Amino acid sequence: MDIAFLKESQQIAHALVAKAVVKMLKDIEMQYAFGVSIGAMV
């Protein structure tokens, strides 16, 4: 495997995880999520 393939695979995996997190937050009717290091969510 070459490094470019691994980097691309990792980017795809990160995008899928982010999409899943957004869906879960929508499912529990999360209204706000702030990009702070302690992960504040309302």
PDB file of N, CA and C in Angstrom:
ATOM      1  N   MET A   1       0.840  -1.183   0.000  1.00  0.00           N
ATOM      2  CA  MET A   1       0.000   0.000   0.000  1.00  0.00           C
ATOM      3  C   MET A   1       0.880   1.240   0.000  1.00  0.00           C
ATOM      4  N   ASP A   2       0.451   2.208  -0.735  1.00  0.00           N
ATOM      5  CA  ASP A   2       1.248   3.438  -0.699  1.00  0.00           C
ATOM      6  C   ASP A   2       0.633   4.447   0.273  1.00  0.00           C
ATOM      7  N   ILE A   3       1.414   5.409   0.636  1.00  0.00           N
ATOM      8  CA  ILE A   3       1.015   6.394   1.651  1.00  0.00           C
ATOM      9  C   ILE A   3      -0.162   7.240   1.187  1.00  0.00           C
ATOM     10  N   ALA A   4      -0.212   7.596  -0.091  1.00  0.00           N
ATOM     11  CA  ALA A   4      -1.318   8.412  -0.600  1.00  0.00           C
ATOM     12  C   ALA A   4      -2.638   7.681  -0.425  1.00  0.00           C
ATOM     13  N   PHE A   5      -2.641   6.368  -0.691  1.00  0.00           N
ATOM     14  CA  PHE A   5      -3.864   5.574  -0.531  1.00  0.00           C
ATOM     15  C   PHE A   5      -4.293   5.558   0.933  1.00  0.00           C
ATOM     16  N   LEU A   6      -3.336   5.371   1.829  1.00  0.00           N
ATOM     17  CA  LEU A   6      -3.670   5.338   3.258  1.00  0.00           C
ATOM     18  C   LEU A   6      -4.212   6.674   3.744  1.00  0.00           C
ATOM     19  N   LYS A   7      -3.616   7.769   3.288  1.00  0.00           N
ATOM     20  CA  LYS A   7      -4.103   9.097   3.682  1.00  0.00           C
ATOM     21  C   LYS A   7      -5.514   9.324   3.171  1.00  0.00           C
ATOM     22  N   GLU A   8      -5.769   8.929   1.921  1.00  0.00           N
ATOM     23  CA  GLU A   8      -7.106   9.104   1.351  1.00  0.00           C
ATOM     24  C   GLU A   8      -8.117   8.256   2.112  1.00  0.00           C
ATOM     25  N   SER A   9      -7.755   7.034   2.448  1.00  0.00           N
ATOM     26  CA  SER A   9      -8.654   6.154   3.206  1.00  0.00           C
ATOM     27  C   SER A   9      -8.964   6.739   4.571  1.00  0.00           C
ATOM     28  N   GLN A  10      -7.941   7.317   5.199  1.00  0.00           N
ATOM     29  CA  GLN A  10      -8.135   7.920   6.515  1.00  0.00           C
ATOM     30  C   GLN A  10      -9.059   9.133   6.426  1.00  0.00           C
ATOM     31  N   GLN A  11      -8.902   9.942   5.387  1.00  0.00           N
ATOM     32  CA  GLN A  11      -9.766  11.108   5.215  1.00  0.00           C
ATOM     33  C   GLN A  11     -11.216  10.680   5.006  1.00  0.00           C
ATOM     34  N   ILE A  12     -11.413   9.619   4.231  1.00  0.00           N
ATOM     35  CA  ILE A  12     -12.765   9.113   4.007  1.00  0.00           C
ATOM     36  C   ILE A  12     -13.361   8.609   5.319  1.00  0.00           C
ATOM     37  N   ALA A  13     -12.567   7.887   6.098  1.00  0.00           N
ATOM     38  CA  ALA A  13     -13.043   7.368   7.382  1.00  0.00           C
ATOM     39  C   ALA A  13     -13.421   8.515   8.309  1.00  0.00           C
ATOM     40  N   HIS A  14     -12.604   9.562   8.366  1.00  0.00           N
ATOM     41  CA  HIS A  14     -12.911  10.721   9.221  1.00  0.00           C
ATOM     42  C   HIS A  14     -14.221  11.374   8.784  1.00  0.00           C
ATOM     43  N   ALA A  15     -14.434  11.493   7.478  1.00  0.00           N
ATOM     44  CA  ALA A  15     -15.667  12.102   6.978  1.00  0.00           C
ATOM     45  C   ALA A  15     -16.877  11.259   7.357  1.00  0.00           C
ATOM     46  N   LEU A  16     -16.745   9.937   7.274  1.00  0.00           N
ATOM     47  CA  LEU A  16     -17.860   9.060   7.637  1.00  0.00           C
ATOM     48  C   LEU A  16     -18.177   9.142   9.120  1.00  0.00           C
ATOM     49  N   VAL A  17     -17.151   9.216   9.944  1.00  0.00           N
ATOM     50  CA  VAL A  17     -17.367   9.342  11.389  1.00  0.00           C
ATOM     51  C   VAL A  17     -18.036  10.678  11.701  1.00  0.00           C
ATOM     52  N   ALA A  18     -17.553  11.742  11.072  1.00  0.00           N
ATOM     53  CA  ALA A  18     -18.150  13.063  11.307  1.00  0.00           C
ATOM     54  C   ALA A  18     -19.617  13.072  10.888  1.00  0.00           C
ATOM     55  N   LYS A  19     -19.910  12.455   9.765  1.00  0.00           N
ATOM     56  CA  LYS A  19     -21.297  12.396   9.284  1.00  0.00           C
ATOM     57  C   LYS A  19     -22.164  11.613  10.268  1.00  0.00           C
ATOM     58  N   ALA A  20     -21.639  10.519  10.808  1.00  0.00           N
ATOM     59  CA  ALA A  20     -22.388   9.719  11.778  1.00  0.00           C
ATOM     60  C   ALA A  20     -22.644  10.505  13.063  1.00  0.00           C
ATOM     61  N   VAL A  21     -21.653  11.263  13.508  1.00  0.00           N
ATOM     62  CA  VAL A  21     -21.819  12.070  14.727  1.00  0.00           C
ATOM     63  C   VAL A  21     -22.897  13.125  14.520  1.00  0.00           C
ATOM     64  N   VAL A  22     -22.879  13.791  13.374  1.00  0.00           N
ATOM     65  CA  VAL A  22     -23.894  14.796  13.074  1.00  0.00           C
ATOM     66  C   VAL A  22     -25.280  14.169  13.069  1.00  0.00           C
ATOM     67  N   LYS A  23     -25.412  12.984  12.476  1.00  0.00           N
ATOM     68  CA  LYS A  23     -26.712  12.304  12.445  1.00  0.00           C
ATOM     69  C   LYS A  23     -27.179  11.965  13.858  1.00  0.00           C
ATOM     70  N   MET A  24     -26.274  11.469  14.694  1.00  0.00           N
ATOM     71  CA  MET A  24     -26.653  11.136  16.074  1.00  0.00           C
ATOM     72  C   MET A  24     -27.104  12.378  16.830  1.00  0.00           C
ATOM     73  N   LEU A  25     -26.395  13.485  16.640  1.00  0.00           N
ATOM     74  CA  LEU A  25     -26.782  14.723  17.323  1.00  0.00           C
ATOM     75  C   LEU A  25     -28.142  15.214  16.842  1.00  0.00           C
ATOM     76  N   LYS A  26     -28.395  15.082  15.551  1.00  0.00           N
ATOM     77  CA  LYS A  26     -29.715  15.465  15.028  1.00  0.00           C
ATOM     78  C   LYS A  26     -30.797  14.552  15.594  1.00  0.00           C
ATOM     79  N   ASP A  27     -30.500  13.252  15.693  1.00  0.00           N
ATOM     80  CA  ASP A  27     -31.478  12.290  16.198  1.00  0.00           C
ATOM     81  C   ASP A  27     -31.889  12.576  17.631  1.00  0.00           C
ATOM     82  N   ILE A  28     -30.974  13.130  18.435  1.00  0.00           N
ATOM     83  CA  ILE A  28     -31.336  13.461  19.816  1.00  0.00           C
ATOM     84  C   ILE A  28     -31.736  14.928  19.944  1.00  0.00           C
ATOM     85  N   GLU A  29     -31.975  15.541  18.794  1.00  0.00           N
ATOM     86  CA  GLU A  29     -32.444  16.923  18.710  1.00  0.00           C
ATOM     87  C   GLU A  29     -31.489  17.924  19.357  1.00  0.00           C
ATOM     88  N   MET A  30     -30.188  17.690  19.157  1.00  0.00           N
ATOM     89  CA  MET A  30     -29.173  18.636  19.628  1.00  0.00           C
ATOM     90  C   MET A  30     -29.368  19.944  18.872  1.00  0.00           C
ATOM     91  N   GLN A  31     -29.388  21.036  19.589  1.00  0.00           N
ATOM     92  CA  GLN A  31     -29.615  22.329  18.957  1.00  0.00           C
ATOM     93  C   GLN A  31     -28.316  23.043  18.609  1.00  0.00           C
ATOM     94  N   TYR A  32     -27.320  22.956  19.476  1.00  0.00           N
ATOM     95  CA  TYR A  32     -26.062  23.666  19.257  1.00  0.00           C
ATOM     96  C   TYR A  32     -24.887  22.777  19.632  1.00  0.00           C
ATOM     97  N   ALA A  33     -23.819  22.892  18.909  1.00  0.00           N
ATOM     98  CA  ALA A  33     -22.556  22.232  19.263  1.00  0.00           C
ATOM     99  C   ALA A  33     -21.444  23.222  18.965  1.00  0.00           C
ATOM    100  N   PHE A  34     -20.685  23.561  19.976  1.00  0.00           N
ATOM    101  CA  PHE A  34     -19.623  24.548  19.825  1.00  0.00           C
ATOM    102  C   PHE A  34     -18.277  23.854  19.689  1.00  0.00           C
ATOM    103  N   GLY A  35     -17.455  24.330  18.798  1.00  0.00           N
ATOM    104  CA  GLY A  35     -16.137  23.750  18.577  1.00  0.00           C
ATOM    105  C   GLY A  35     -15.117  24.211  19.587  1.00  0.00           C
ATOM    106  N   VAL A  36     -15.298  23.813  20.828  1.00  0.00           N
ATOM    107  CA  VAL A  36     -14.341  24.163  21.866  1.00  0.00           C
ATOM    108  C   VAL A  36     -13.660  22.889  22.360  1.00  0.00           C
ATOM    109  N   SER A  37     -12.488  23.033  22.921  1.00  0.00           N
ATOM    110  CA  SER A  37     -11.694  21.865  23.302  1.00  0.00           C
ATOM    111  C   SER A  37     -12.366  20.978  24.354  1.00  0.00           C
ATOM    112  N   ILE A  38     -13.238  21.534  25.168  1.00  0.00           N
ATOM    113  CA  ILE A  38     -13.901  20.713  26.186  1.00  0.00           C
ATOM    114  C   ILE A  38     -15.191  20.088  25.661  1.00  0.00           C
ATOM    115  N   GLY A  39     -15.559  20.373  24.430  1.00  0.00           N
ATOM    116  CA  GLY A  39     -16.700  19.736  23.796  1.00  0.00           C
ATOM    117  C   GLY A  39     -18.054  20.190  24.302  1.00  0.00           C
ATOM    118  N   ALA A  40     -18.234  21.474  24.531  1.00  0.00           N
ATOM    119  CA  ALA A  40     -19.513  21.979  25.033  1.00  0.00           C
ATOM    120  C   ALA A  40     -20.637  21.739  24.037  1.00  0.00           C
ATOM    121  N   MET A  41     -21.732  21.185  24.528  1.00  0.00           N
ATOM    122  CA  MET A  41     -22.914  20.957  23.694  1.00  0.00           C
ATOM    123  C   MET A  41     -24.152  21.301  24.496  1.00  0.00           C
ATOM    124  N   VAL A  42     -25.152  21.853  23.796  1.00  0.00           N
ATOM    125  CA  VAL A  42     -26.398  22.259  24.453  1.00  0.00           C
ATOM    126  C   VAL A  42     -27.554  21.543  23.785  1.00  0.00           C
TER     127      VAL A  42
END
